[in-house]
Amino acid sequence: MEFQKDTTFFTGRLKSVTYAIKGAGKLITTEHSVMVQFSIGILMTIAGFYFGISKTEWLFQTLAIGLVLSVEGLNTAIEKIADFIHPNYHERIGFIKDIAAGAVLMAAMTAITIGLIIYIPILL
C-alpha cells in the first residue's frame, strides 16, 4: 500500500489528529515508564480535586503533567529509533539515549517541584 498525502486542509488535519490519538494510546498502553507517569498524573489530578487547588495551581499542575508525558513520549520515540537503527549496543547510541533520559529526569524533577510547591502548604 502506497502512502498518499491528503492535500485538503480539513481531512488532512483530521487524519493527523487520528494518528496522534492512536500514537498516544500506543504510548500509554505499551510503555511501562509512560504507564507510571500517566498513573501519577491521574493521582495528582484526583489530589487536585480532593484538596480544591486554585485555578493557577491547576494550570501549573496540568502543565507539569503534560510536560512529563510529552518528554517521556519523545524519549520513547528516540529510544525506538535508536534501537531500530542500531539494535546492538553502541557507545554513541547509548550516549543519545542517556541524553533523552536526562531530559525526562529534568521534566520529572520540575513536576515534583511544582507538586511540592502546591501541596506542602496544603498538607502543613
N, C-alpha and C. Protein backbone atom coordinates (compact mmCIF):
# COMPACT_ATOMS: atom_id res chain seq x y z
N MET A 1 0.85 -1.18 0.00
CA MET A 1 0.00 0.00 0.00
C MET A 1 0.89 1.24 0.00
N GLU A 2 0.67 2.10 -0.93
CA GLU A 2 1.49 3.29 -1.07
C GLU A 2 0.87 4.45 -0.29
N PHE A 3 1.72 5.22 0.35
CA PHE A 3 1.27 6.39 1.12
C PHE A 3 0.82 7.48 0.17
N GLN A 4 -0.37 8.02 0.46
CA GLN A 4 -0.87 9.14 -0.34
C GLN A 4 -1.15 10.30 0.59
N LYS A 5 -0.50 11.42 0.32
CA LYS A 5 -0.69 12.60 1.15
C LYS A 5 -2.05 13.22 0.87
N ASP A 6 -2.76 13.56 1.95
CA ASP A 6 -4.06 14.22 1.82
C ASP A 6 -3.81 15.72 1.72
N THR A 7 -4.18 16.30 0.61
CA THR A 7 -3.88 17.71 0.38
C THR A 7 -4.98 18.65 0.84
N THR A 8 -6.13 18.12 1.25
CA THR A 8 -7.19 19.00 1.72
C THR A 8 -6.96 19.35 3.18
N PHE A 9 -7.29 20.57 3.55
CA PHE A 9 -6.97 21.04 4.89
C PHE A 9 -7.71 20.25 5.97
N PHE A 10 -9.03 20.17 5.88
CA PHE A 10 -9.82 19.58 6.95
C PHE A 10 -9.54 18.09 7.12
N THR A 11 -9.61 17.33 6.03
CA THR A 11 -9.40 15.89 6.17
C THR A 11 -7.95 15.57 6.52
N GLY A 12 -7.03 16.39 6.06
CA GLY A 12 -5.62 16.20 6.43
C GLY A 12 -5.40 16.38 7.91
N ARG A 13 -6.02 17.42 8.49
CA ARG A 13 -5.89 17.66 9.93
C ARG A 13 -6.59 16.56 10.73
N LEU A 14 -7.74 16.11 10.24
CA LEU A 14 -8.48 15.05 10.91
C LEU A 14 -7.66 13.77 10.96
N LYS A 15 -6.99 13.45 9.85
CA LYS A 15 -6.12 12.27 9.83
C LYS A 15 -4.96 12.44 10.79
N SER A 16 -4.38 13.64 10.85
CA SER A 16 -3.27 13.90 11.77
C SER A 16 -3.69 13.70 13.21
N VAL A 17 -4.86 14.21 13.57
CA VAL A 17 -5.36 14.04 14.93
C VAL A 17 -5.62 12.57 15.22
N THR A 18 -6.16 11.85 14.25
CA THR A 18 -6.43 10.42 14.42
C THR A 18 -5.13 9.67 14.68
N TYR A 19 -4.09 9.97 13.90
CA TYR A 19 -2.78 9.33 14.11
C TYR A 19 -2.21 9.68 15.48
N ALA A 20 -2.38 10.94 15.89
CA ALA A 20 -1.86 11.38 17.19
C ALA A 20 -2.56 10.65 18.34
N ILE A 21 -3.87 10.51 18.25
CA ILE A 21 -4.62 9.79 19.29
C ILE A 21 -4.21 8.33 19.33
N LYS A 22 -4.04 7.73 18.15
CA LYS A 22 -3.58 6.34 18.06
C LYS A 22 -2.19 6.19 18.70
N GLY A 23 -1.30 7.14 18.41
CA GLY A 23 0.05 7.11 18.97
C GLY A 23 0.04 7.29 20.48
N ALA A 24 -0.79 8.20 20.99
CA ALA A 24 -0.89 8.40 22.44
C ALA A 24 -1.41 7.14 23.11
N GLY A 25 -2.37 6.49 22.48
CA GLY A 25 -2.89 5.23 23.03
C GLY A 25 -1.83 4.15 23.08
N LYS A 26 -1.04 4.04 22.01
CA LYS A 26 0.06 3.06 22.00
C LYS A 26 1.08 3.38 23.08
N LEU A 27 1.37 4.66 23.23
CA LEU A 27 2.35 5.08 24.23
C LEU A 27 1.90 4.71 25.63
N ILE A 28 0.64 5.00 25.95
CA ILE A 28 0.12 4.75 27.29
C ILE A 28 -0.06 3.26 27.57
N THR A 29 -0.37 2.47 26.55
CA THR A 29 -0.67 1.05 26.78
C THR A 29 0.52 0.12 26.60
N THR A 30 1.63 0.61 26.05
CA THR A 30 2.75 -0.30 25.79
C THR A 30 4.04 0.05 26.52
N GLU A 31 4.18 1.27 26.98
CA GLU A 31 5.44 1.71 27.59
C GLU A 31 5.28 1.84 29.11
N HIS A 32 6.01 1.03 29.85
CA HIS A 32 5.85 0.98 31.31
C HIS A 32 6.17 2.31 31.99
N SER A 33 7.20 3.00 31.52
CA SER A 33 7.53 4.29 32.14
C SER A 33 6.40 5.30 31.93
N VAL A 34 5.78 5.25 30.77
CA VAL A 34 4.67 6.15 30.49
C VAL A 34 3.45 5.75 31.32
N MET A 35 3.24 4.45 31.49
CA MET A 35 2.13 3.98 32.33
C MET A 35 2.28 4.53 33.75
N VAL A 36 3.49 4.49 34.26
CA VAL A 36 3.75 5.00 35.62
C VAL A 36 3.49 6.50 35.67
N GLN A 37 4.05 7.25 34.72
CA GLN A 37 3.88 8.70 34.71
C GLN A 37 2.41 9.08 34.52
N PHE A 38 1.70 8.36 33.66
CA PHE A 38 0.28 8.62 33.43
C PHE A 38 -0.53 8.35 34.70
N SER A 39 -0.19 7.27 35.40
CA SER A 39 -0.87 6.94 36.67
C SER A 39 -0.62 8.02 37.72
N ILE A 40 0.60 8.50 37.80
CA ILE A 40 0.91 9.59 38.74
C ILE A 40 0.12 10.84 38.36
N GLY A 41 0.02 11.11 37.06
CA GLY A 41 -0.78 12.25 36.60
C GLY A 41 -2.23 12.14 37.02
N ILE A 42 -2.79 10.94 36.92
CA ILE A 42 -4.18 10.72 37.36
C ILE A 42 -4.31 10.93 38.87
N LEU A 43 -3.36 10.38 39.62
CA LEU A 43 -3.39 10.55 41.08
C LEU A 43 -3.29 12.03 41.48
N MET A 44 -2.44 12.77 40.79
CA MET A 44 -2.29 14.19 41.09
C MET A 44 -3.54 14.98 40.71
N THR A 45 -4.20 14.55 39.66
CA THR A 45 -5.46 15.18 39.27
C THR A 45 -6.53 14.93 40.34
N ILE A 46 -6.59 13.70 40.82
CA ILE A 46 -7.53 13.37 41.91
C ILE A 46 -7.20 14.19 43.14
N ALA A 47 -5.91 14.31 43.46
CA ALA A 47 -5.49 15.11 44.62
C ALA A 47 -5.90 16.57 44.44
N GLY A 48 -5.78 17.08 43.23
CA GLY A 48 -6.17 18.46 42.96
C GLY A 48 -7.65 18.69 43.25
N PHE A 49 -8.49 17.75 42.84
CA PHE A 49 -9.92 17.87 43.15
C PHE A 49 -10.19 17.71 44.65
N TYR A 50 -9.51 16.75 45.27
CA TYR A 50 -9.72 16.49 46.69
C TYR A 50 -9.35 17.71 47.55
N PHE A 51 -8.21 18.31 47.25
CA PHE A 51 -7.74 19.44 48.05
C PHE A 51 -8.25 20.79 47.55
N GLY A 52 -8.95 20.80 46.45
CA GLY A 52 -9.53 22.05 45.94
C GLY A 52 -8.49 23.10 45.60
N ILE A 53 -7.50 22.71 44.81
CA ILE A 53 -6.44 23.66 44.47
C ILE A 53 -7.00 24.79 43.60
N SER A 54 -6.30 25.90 43.58
CA SER A 54 -6.76 27.09 42.86
C SER A 54 -6.60 26.93 41.35
N LYS A 55 -7.18 27.84 40.61
CA LYS A 55 -7.09 27.81 39.15
C LYS A 55 -5.63 27.91 38.69
N THR A 56 -4.88 28.77 39.33
CA THR A 56 -3.46 28.92 38.98
C THR A 56 -2.69 27.64 39.27
N GLU A 57 -2.99 27.02 40.41
CA GLU A 57 -2.33 25.75 40.74
C GLU A 57 -2.71 24.67 39.74
N TRP A 58 -3.97 24.66 39.30
CA TRP A 58 -4.39 23.72 38.26
C TRP A 58 -3.59 23.93 36.97
N LEU A 59 -3.38 25.19 36.62
CA LEU A 59 -2.61 25.48 35.40
C LEU A 59 -1.20 24.91 35.49
N PHE A 60 -0.54 25.16 36.62
CA PHE A 60 0.83 24.66 36.78
C PHE A 60 0.86 23.14 36.85
N GLN A 61 -0.10 22.55 37.56
CA GLN A 61 -0.12 21.10 37.69
C GLN A 61 -0.38 20.44 36.32
N THR A 62 -1.33 20.98 35.57
CA THR A 62 -1.64 20.43 34.26
C THR A 62 -0.44 20.57 33.32
N LEU A 63 0.21 21.72 33.37
CA LEU A 63 1.40 21.93 32.55
C LEU A 63 2.50 20.93 32.92
N ALA A 64 2.69 20.70 34.22
CA ALA A 64 3.73 19.77 34.67
C ALA A 64 3.43 18.35 34.20
N ILE A 65 2.18 17.92 34.32
CA ILE A 65 1.81 16.57 33.89
C ILE A 65 2.01 16.44 32.37
N GLY A 66 1.54 17.43 31.64
CA GLY A 66 1.72 17.41 30.18
C GLY A 66 3.17 17.42 29.77
N LEU A 67 3.98 18.21 30.47
CA LEU A 67 5.41 18.28 30.17
C LEU A 67 6.07 16.91 30.34
N VAL A 68 5.81 16.27 31.47
CA VAL A 68 6.44 14.97 31.73
C VAL A 68 6.00 13.93 30.71
N LEU A 69 4.70 13.86 30.43
CA LEU A 69 4.21 12.87 29.47
C LEU A 69 4.74 13.14 28.06
N SER A 70 4.83 14.41 27.69
CA SER A 70 5.35 14.76 26.36
C SER A 70 6.82 14.39 26.22
N VAL A 71 7.62 14.76 27.20
CA VAL A 71 9.05 14.46 27.14
C VAL A 71 9.27 12.95 27.22
N GLU A 72 8.46 12.26 28.01
CA GLU A 72 8.55 10.80 28.10
C GLU A 72 8.24 10.17 26.73
N GLY A 73 7.25 10.72 26.03
CA GLY A 73 6.92 10.23 24.70
C GLY A 73 8.05 10.46 23.71
N LEU A 74 8.65 11.64 23.75
CA LEU A 74 9.78 11.92 22.86
C LEU A 74 10.97 11.01 23.19
N ASN A 75 11.20 10.77 24.47
CA ASN A 75 12.27 9.87 24.88
C ASN A 75 12.03 8.47 24.32
N THR A 76 10.80 8.00 24.42
CA THR A 76 10.46 6.68 23.90
C THR A 76 10.69 6.62 22.40
N ALA A 77 10.27 7.66 21.68
CA ALA A 77 10.47 7.69 20.23
C ALA A 77 11.97 7.65 19.88
N ILE A 78 12.77 8.42 20.61
CA ILE A 78 14.22 8.43 20.37
C ILE A 78 14.80 7.05 20.62
N GLU A 79 14.39 6.41 21.71
CA GLU A 79 14.90 5.07 22.02
C GLU A 79 14.50 4.06 20.95
N LYS A 80 13.26 4.12 20.48
CA LYS A 80 12.80 3.18 19.45
C LYS A 80 13.55 3.39 18.13
N ILE A 81 13.76 4.64 17.76
CA ILE A 81 14.52 4.92 16.53
C ILE A 81 15.95 4.44 16.67
N ALA A 82 16.57 4.73 17.81
CA ALA A 82 17.96 4.32 18.04
C ALA A 82 18.09 2.80 18.00
N ASP A 83 17.15 2.09 18.63
CA ASP A 83 17.19 0.63 18.63
C ASP A 83 16.96 0.07 17.22
N PHE A 84 16.13 0.75 16.44
CA PHE A 84 15.87 0.31 15.06
C PHE A 84 17.12 0.50 14.20
N ILE A 85 17.77 1.64 14.37
CA ILE A 85 18.96 1.94 13.56
C ILE A 85 20.13 1.06 13.95
N HIS A 86 20.31 0.86 15.25
CA HIS A 86 21.46 0.10 15.73
C HIS A 86 21.01 -0.80 16.88
N PRO A 87 20.50 -2.02 16.55
CA PRO A 87 19.93 -2.89 17.59
C PRO A 87 20.93 -3.34 18.66
N ASN A 88 22.18 -3.45 18.31
CA ASN A 88 23.19 -3.86 19.29
C ASN A 88 23.70 -2.64 20.05
N TYR A 89 24.32 -2.90 21.20
CA TYR A 89 24.84 -1.78 21.99
C TYR A 89 25.91 -1.04 21.19
N HIS A 90 25.80 0.26 21.22
CA HIS A 90 26.81 1.12 20.62
C HIS A 90 26.98 2.32 21.54
N GLU A 91 28.22 2.69 21.81
CA GLU A 91 28.50 3.76 22.77
C GLU A 91 27.82 5.08 22.39
N ARG A 92 27.83 5.43 21.12
CA ARG A 92 27.22 6.71 20.70
C ARG A 92 25.70 6.67 20.80
N ILE A 93 25.10 5.51 20.49
CA ILE A 93 23.64 5.36 20.65
C ILE A 93 23.30 5.44 22.14
N GLY A 94 24.11 4.80 22.96
CA GLY A 94 23.90 4.87 24.41
C GLY A 94 23.96 6.30 24.93
N PHE A 95 24.88 7.08 24.39
CA PHE A 95 25.02 8.49 24.77
C PHE A 95 23.75 9.27 24.42
N ILE A 96 23.22 9.04 23.21
CA ILE A 96 22.00 9.71 22.77
C ILE A 96 20.83 9.32 23.66
N LYS A 97 20.71 8.04 23.98
CA LYS A 97 19.62 7.57 24.82
C LYS A 97 19.74 8.13 26.24
N ASP A 98 20.96 8.26 26.73
CA ASP A 98 21.17 8.85 28.06
C ASP A 98 20.73 10.32 28.09
N ILE A 99 21.02 11.05 27.04
CA ILE A 99 20.61 12.45 26.97
C ILE A 99 19.08 12.56 26.98
N ALA A 100 18.41 11.70 26.21
CA ALA A 100 16.95 11.71 26.18
C ALA A 100 16.37 11.36 27.55
N ALA A 101 16.97 10.39 28.22
CA ALA A 101 16.52 10.02 29.56
C ALA A 101 16.77 11.16 30.55
N GLY A 102 17.87 11.88 30.35
CA GLY A 102 18.15 13.04 31.20
C GLY A 102 17.10 14.12 31.05
N ALA A 103 16.59 14.30 29.84
CA ALA A 103 15.52 15.28 29.61
C ALA A 103 14.26 14.89 30.38
N VAL A 104 13.96 13.59 30.41
CA VAL A 104 12.81 13.11 31.18
C VAL A 104 13.03 13.39 32.67
N LEU A 105 14.24 13.14 33.14
CA LEU A 105 14.55 13.41 34.55
C LEU A 105 14.35 14.88 34.88
N MET A 106 14.80 15.77 34.01
CA MET A 106 14.62 17.21 34.26
C MET A 106 13.14 17.58 34.30
N ALA A 107 12.35 17.04 33.38
CA ALA A 107 10.91 17.32 33.37
C ALA A 107 10.26 16.77 34.64
N ALA A 108 10.65 15.57 35.04
CA ALA A 108 10.07 14.96 36.24
C ALA A 108 10.44 15.75 37.50
N MET A 109 11.69 16.20 37.58
CA MET A 109 12.11 17.00 38.74
C MET A 109 11.35 18.32 38.80
N THR A 110 11.11 18.91 37.63
CA THR A 110 10.31 20.14 37.57
C THR A 110 8.90 19.87 38.06
N ALA A 111 8.30 18.76 37.61
CA ALA A 111 6.94 18.41 38.04
C ALA A 111 6.88 18.14 39.53
N ILE A 112 7.88 17.46 40.06
CA ILE A 112 7.92 17.20 41.51
C ILE A 112 8.01 18.51 42.28
N THR A 113 8.85 19.42 41.81
CA THR A 113 8.98 20.73 42.47
C THR A 113 7.65 21.47 42.47
N ILE A 114 6.97 21.48 41.33
CA ILE A 114 5.66 22.13 41.24
C ILE A 114 4.68 21.47 42.20
N GLY A 115 4.68 20.15 42.24
CA GLY A 115 3.80 19.43 43.16
C GLY A 115 4.08 19.77 44.62
N LEU A 116 5.35 19.86 44.97
CA LEU A 116 5.71 20.20 46.34
C LEU A 116 5.28 21.63 46.69
N ILE A 117 5.47 22.55 45.75
CA ILE A 117 5.07 23.94 45.99
C ILE A 117 3.55 24.03 46.19
N ILE A 118 2.79 23.24 45.45
CA ILE A 118 1.33 23.28 45.57
C ILE A 118 0.87 22.57 46.84
N TYR A 119 1.39 21.37 47.12
CA TYR A 119 0.78 20.53 48.14
C TYR A 119 1.40 20.63 49.53
N ILE A 120 2.64 21.05 49.67
CA ILE A 120 3.22 21.17 51.02
C ILE A 120 2.43 22.17 51.86
N PRO A 121 2.11 23.36 51.36
CA PRO A 121 1.32 24.29 52.19
C PRO A 121 -0.07 23.73 52.55
N ILE A 122 -0.64 22.97 51.66
CA ILE A 122 -1.95 22.38 51.93
C ILE A 122 -1.86 21.34 53.02
N LEU A 123 -0.81 20.52 52.97
CA LEU A 123 -0.66 19.42 53.93
C LEU A 123 -0.14 19.87 55.29
N LEU A 124 0.48 21.05 55.35
CA LEU A 124 1.03 21.51 56.64
C LEU A 124 0.05 22.32 57.42
